[in-house]
């Protein structure tokens, strides 16, 4: 931090859930393809806020959430990584 305990950086931007799917075998179009699906918190604003937080900066993150599972997951992730979500 820059020495001022009351200073912070504001990041206003998007957040979203990145969903990545990979089939176990060669992809067969227009058919079922067993495989793995992974989800990761993402979005340009969220990623910038996260990286600033990793640099020990105090960060307030302003974004929009809707009422669904992914938004609740993303909100809890932002809180867990140390972002101030009070705004």
N, C-alpha and C. Protein backbone atom coordinates (compact mmCIF):
# COMPACT_ATOMS: atom_id res chain seq x y z
N UNK A 1 0.83 -1.18 0.00
CA UNK A 1 0.00 0.00 0.00
C UNK A 1 0.87 1.24 0.00
N UNK A 2 0.25 2.36 -0.24
CA UNK A 2 1.02 3.58 -0.38
C UNK A 2 1.19 4.35 0.93
N UNK A 3 0.87 3.72 2.08
CA UNK A 3 1.09 4.36 3.36
C UNK A 3 -0.12 5.01 3.96
N UNK A 4 -1.15 5.32 3.20
CA UNK A 4 -2.37 5.94 3.72
C UNK A 4 -3.38 4.83 4.01
N UNK A 5 -3.72 4.66 5.28
CA UNK A 5 -4.60 3.56 5.66
C UNK A 5 -6.02 3.75 5.17
N UNK A 6 -6.44 4.98 4.88
CA UNK A 6 -7.81 5.21 4.44
C UNK A 6 -7.94 5.31 2.92
N UNK A 7 -6.86 5.15 2.19
CA UNK A 7 -6.93 5.23 0.73
C UNK A 7 -7.29 3.87 0.14
N UNK A 8 -7.92 3.91 -1.02
CA UNK A 8 -8.31 2.68 -1.69
C UNK A 8 -8.46 2.95 -3.18
N UNK A 9 -8.51 1.88 -3.93
CA UNK A 9 -8.71 1.94 -5.37
C UNK A 9 -10.13 1.46 -5.65
N UNK A 10 -10.84 2.17 -6.52
CA UNK A 10 -12.18 1.75 -6.93
C UNK A 10 -12.08 1.14 -8.32
N UNK A 11 -12.63 -0.05 -8.45
CA UNK A 11 -12.74 -0.69 -9.76
C UNK A 11 -14.23 -0.86 -10.04
N UNK A 12 -14.69 -0.28 -11.13
CA UNK A 12 -16.07 -0.46 -11.57
C UNK A 12 -16.03 -1.23 -12.88
N UNK A 13 -16.66 -2.38 -12.89
CA UNK A 13 -16.59 -3.18 -14.11
C UNK A 13 -17.36 -4.47 -13.99
N UNK A 14 -17.21 -5.27 -15.00
CA UNK A 14 -17.97 -6.50 -15.11
C UNK A 14 -17.34 -7.67 -14.40
N UNK A 15 -18.21 -8.58 -14.05
CA UNK A 15 -17.80 -9.88 -13.51
C UNK A 15 -18.71 -10.91 -14.15
N UNK A 16 -18.20 -12.08 -14.34
CA UNK A 16 -19.00 -13.15 -14.92
C UNK A 16 -18.40 -14.49 -14.54
N UNK A 17 -19.13 -15.54 -14.82
CA UNK A 17 -18.62 -16.88 -14.57
C UNK A 17 -18.13 -17.45 -15.89
N UNK A 18 -16.84 -17.78 -15.94
CA UNK A 18 -16.29 -18.44 -17.12
C UNK A 18 -16.59 -19.93 -17.00
N UNK A 19 -17.19 -20.49 -18.04
CA UNK A 19 -17.56 -21.91 -18.05
C UNK A 19 -16.77 -22.58 -19.16
N UNK A 20 -16.00 -23.60 -18.78
CA UNK A 20 -15.11 -24.29 -19.71
C UNK A 20 -15.50 -25.76 -19.75
N UNK A 21 -15.80 -26.26 -20.93
CA UNK A 21 -16.13 -27.67 -21.09
C UNK A 21 -15.15 -28.35 -22.02
N UNK A 22 -14.78 -29.57 -21.68
CA UNK A 22 -13.83 -30.32 -22.50
C UNK A 22 -14.29 -31.78 -22.56
N UNK A 23 -14.54 -32.30 -23.78
CA UNK A 23 -14.98 -33.70 -23.88
C UNK A 23 -13.84 -34.65 -23.59
N UNK A 24 -14.19 -35.84 -23.10
CA UNK A 24 -13.17 -36.86 -22.83
C UNK A 24 -12.53 -37.37 -24.13
N UNK A 25 -13.32 -37.43 -25.19
CA UNK A 25 -12.86 -37.95 -26.48
C UNK A 25 -13.07 -36.89 -27.55
N UNK A 26 -12.80 -37.27 -28.81
CA UNK A 26 -13.01 -36.36 -29.92
C UNK A 26 -14.46 -35.88 -29.93
N UNK A 27 -14.66 -34.56 -30.14
CA UNK A 27 -15.98 -33.97 -30.14
C UNK A 27 -16.82 -34.51 -31.29
N UNK A 28 -18.04 -34.95 -30.96
CA UNK A 28 -18.99 -35.41 -31.96
C UNK A 28 -20.11 -34.37 -32.01
N UNK A 29 -20.23 -33.66 -33.12
CA UNK A 29 -21.24 -32.62 -33.26
C UNK A 29 -22.64 -33.21 -33.26
N UNK A 30 -23.59 -32.45 -32.68
CA UNK A 30 -25.00 -32.81 -32.61
C UNK A 30 -25.23 -34.13 -31.89
N UNK A 31 -24.41 -34.41 -30.87
CA UNK A 31 -24.55 -35.63 -30.08
C UNK A 31 -24.11 -35.33 -28.66
N UNK A 32 -24.37 -36.25 -27.76
CA UNK A 32 -23.88 -36.11 -26.39
C UNK A 32 -22.38 -36.37 -26.37
N UNK A 33 -21.66 -35.56 -25.59
CA UNK A 33 -20.21 -35.69 -25.48
C UNK A 33 -19.83 -35.66 -24.01
N UNK A 34 -19.67 -36.84 -23.38
CA UNK A 34 -19.25 -36.85 -21.97
C UNK A 34 -17.91 -36.13 -21.81
N UNK A 35 -17.77 -35.45 -20.70
CA UNK A 35 -16.52 -34.74 -20.45
C UNK A 35 -16.57 -34.02 -19.11
N UNK A 36 -15.71 -33.05 -18.93
CA UNK A 36 -15.63 -32.25 -17.72
C UNK A 36 -16.07 -30.82 -18.01
N UNK A 37 -16.73 -30.22 -17.02
CA UNK A 37 -17.08 -28.81 -17.08
C UNK A 37 -16.51 -28.15 -15.85
N UNK A 38 -15.79 -27.06 -16.03
CA UNK A 38 -15.21 -26.32 -14.91
C UNK A 38 -15.71 -24.88 -14.97
N UNK A 39 -15.87 -24.28 -13.80
CA UNK A 39 -16.29 -22.88 -13.73
C UNK A 39 -15.23 -22.08 -12.98
N UNK A 40 -15.01 -20.86 -13.45
CA UNK A 40 -14.03 -19.97 -12.84
C UNK A 40 -14.60 -18.57 -12.78
N UNK A 41 -14.42 -17.86 -11.66
CA UNK A 41 -14.80 -16.45 -11.61
C UNK A 41 -13.98 -15.66 -12.63
N UNK A 42 -14.64 -14.75 -13.34
CA UNK A 42 -13.93 -13.98 -14.35
C UNK A 42 -14.58 -12.63 -14.57
N UNK A 43 -14.25 -12.04 -15.69
CA UNK A 43 -14.71 -10.70 -16.03
C UNK A 43 -13.56 -9.73 -15.88
N UNK A 44 -13.48 -8.78 -16.80
CA UNK A 44 -12.34 -7.85 -16.79
C UNK A 44 -12.25 -7.06 -15.49
N UNK A 45 -13.36 -6.47 -15.04
CA UNK A 45 -13.33 -5.69 -13.81
C UNK A 45 -12.95 -6.52 -12.61
N UNK A 46 -13.56 -7.70 -12.49
CA UNK A 46 -13.26 -8.59 -11.37
C UNK A 46 -11.79 -9.01 -11.37
N UNK A 47 -11.26 -9.34 -12.54
CA UNK A 47 -9.87 -9.77 -12.62
C UNK A 47 -8.90 -8.64 -12.27
N UNK A 48 -9.21 -7.42 -12.71
CA UNK A 48 -8.37 -6.28 -12.35
C UNK A 48 -8.42 -6.05 -10.84
N UNK A 49 -9.62 -6.08 -10.27
CA UNK A 49 -9.75 -5.88 -8.82
C UNK A 49 -9.01 -6.97 -8.06
N UNK A 50 -9.12 -8.21 -8.51
CA UNK A 50 -8.41 -9.32 -7.86
C UNK A 50 -6.90 -9.12 -7.91
N UNK A 51 -6.38 -8.75 -9.07
CA UNK A 51 -4.93 -8.56 -9.20
C UNK A 51 -4.43 -7.42 -8.33
N UNK A 52 -5.19 -6.33 -8.24
CA UNK A 52 -4.80 -5.24 -7.34
C UNK A 52 -4.80 -5.70 -5.89
N UNK A 53 -5.79 -6.51 -5.54
CA UNK A 53 -5.85 -7.05 -4.18
C UNK A 53 -4.64 -7.94 -3.88
N UNK A 54 -4.23 -8.72 -4.88
CA UNK A 54 -3.04 -9.57 -4.71
C UNK A 54 -1.77 -8.74 -4.51
N UNK A 55 -1.80 -7.48 -4.97
CA UNK A 55 -0.67 -6.56 -4.76
C UNK A 55 -0.80 -5.80 -3.44
N UNK A 56 -1.68 -6.30 -2.54
CA UNK A 56 -1.92 -5.71 -1.22
C UNK A 56 -2.52 -4.31 -1.27
N UNK A 57 -3.25 -4.02 -2.33
CA UNK A 57 -3.98 -2.76 -2.40
C UNK A 57 -5.38 -2.97 -1.83
N UNK A 58 -5.91 -1.93 -1.19
CA UNK A 58 -7.28 -1.94 -0.70
C UNK A 58 -8.18 -1.59 -1.89
N UNK A 59 -9.14 -2.49 -2.22
CA UNK A 59 -9.93 -2.34 -3.44
C UNK A 59 -11.42 -2.39 -3.12
N UNK A 60 -12.14 -1.39 -3.64
CA UNK A 60 -13.60 -1.42 -3.63
C UNK A 60 -14.03 -1.79 -5.04
N UNK A 61 -14.84 -2.83 -5.16
CA UNK A 61 -15.27 -3.31 -6.46
C UNK A 61 -16.76 -3.02 -6.64
N UNK A 62 -17.08 -2.27 -7.69
CA UNK A 62 -18.46 -1.93 -7.99
C UNK A 62 -18.87 -2.67 -9.26
N UNK A 63 -19.90 -3.49 -9.14
CA UNK A 63 -20.38 -4.28 -10.26
C UNK A 63 -21.87 -4.57 -10.06
N UNK A 64 -22.44 -5.31 -10.97
CA UNK A 64 -23.86 -5.66 -10.89
C UNK A 64 -24.00 -7.16 -10.72
N UNK A 65 -24.90 -7.56 -9.82
CA UNK A 65 -25.23 -8.97 -9.63
C UNK A 65 -26.72 -9.16 -9.88
N UNK A 66 -27.09 -10.34 -10.33
CA UNK A 66 -28.49 -10.72 -10.46
C UNK A 66 -28.81 -11.74 -9.37
N UNK A 67 -30.02 -12.23 -9.34
CA UNK A 67 -30.42 -13.20 -8.32
C UNK A 67 -30.35 -14.62 -8.88
N UNK A 68 -29.15 -15.17 -8.90
CA UNK A 68 -29.01 -16.57 -9.31
C UNK A 68 -27.80 -17.19 -8.60
N UNK A 69 -27.62 -18.48 -8.80
CA UNK A 69 -26.55 -19.22 -8.15
C UNK A 69 -25.18 -18.63 -8.47
N UNK A 70 -24.93 -18.35 -9.75
CA UNK A 70 -23.62 -17.86 -10.15
C UNK A 70 -23.30 -16.51 -9.52
N UNK A 71 -24.27 -15.63 -9.44
CA UNK A 71 -24.04 -14.32 -8.81
C UNK A 71 -23.69 -14.47 -7.33
N UNK A 72 -24.39 -15.36 -6.64
CA UNK A 72 -24.07 -15.59 -5.22
C UNK A 72 -22.66 -16.16 -5.08
N UNK A 73 -22.30 -17.09 -5.96
CA UNK A 73 -20.96 -17.66 -5.96
C UNK A 73 -19.91 -16.57 -6.20
N UNK A 74 -20.17 -15.71 -7.20
CA UNK A 74 -19.23 -14.64 -7.53
C UNK A 74 -19.10 -13.63 -6.39
N UNK A 75 -20.21 -13.27 -5.76
CA UNK A 75 -20.17 -12.34 -4.63
C UNK A 75 -19.33 -12.91 -3.50
N UNK A 76 -19.57 -14.17 -3.15
CA UNK A 76 -18.80 -14.79 -2.07
C UNK A 76 -17.32 -14.90 -2.43
N UNK A 77 -17.02 -15.17 -3.70
CA UNK A 77 -15.62 -15.22 -4.15
C UNK A 77 -14.96 -13.86 -4.00
N UNK A 78 -15.65 -12.78 -4.39
CA UNK A 78 -15.09 -11.43 -4.27
C UNK A 78 -14.79 -11.10 -2.81
N UNK A 79 -15.70 -11.46 -1.92
CA UNK A 79 -15.50 -11.21 -0.49
C UNK A 79 -14.31 -12.03 0.02
N UNK A 80 -14.25 -13.30 -0.40
CA UNK A 80 -13.18 -14.19 0.06
C UNK A 80 -11.79 -13.71 -0.37
N UNK A 81 -11.68 -13.13 -1.56
CA UNK A 81 -10.37 -12.67 -2.02
C UNK A 81 -10.03 -11.27 -1.50
N UNK A 82 -10.93 -10.71 -0.68
CA UNK A 82 -10.60 -9.46 0.01
C UNK A 82 -11.10 -8.19 -0.64
N UNK A 83 -12.03 -8.29 -1.58
CA UNK A 83 -12.56 -7.09 -2.21
C UNK A 83 -13.66 -6.48 -1.33
N UNK A 84 -13.66 -5.17 -1.24
CA UNK A 84 -14.72 -4.47 -0.50
C UNK A 84 -15.91 -4.35 -1.45
N UNK A 85 -17.01 -5.04 -1.08
CA UNK A 85 -18.20 -5.08 -1.93
C UNK A 85 -19.32 -4.22 -1.35
N UNK A 86 -18.99 -3.33 -0.43
CA UNK A 86 -20.01 -2.56 0.30
C UNK A 86 -20.71 -1.52 -0.56
N UNK A 87 -20.13 -1.14 -1.66
CA UNK A 87 -20.76 -0.12 -2.51
C UNK A 87 -21.76 -0.76 -3.44
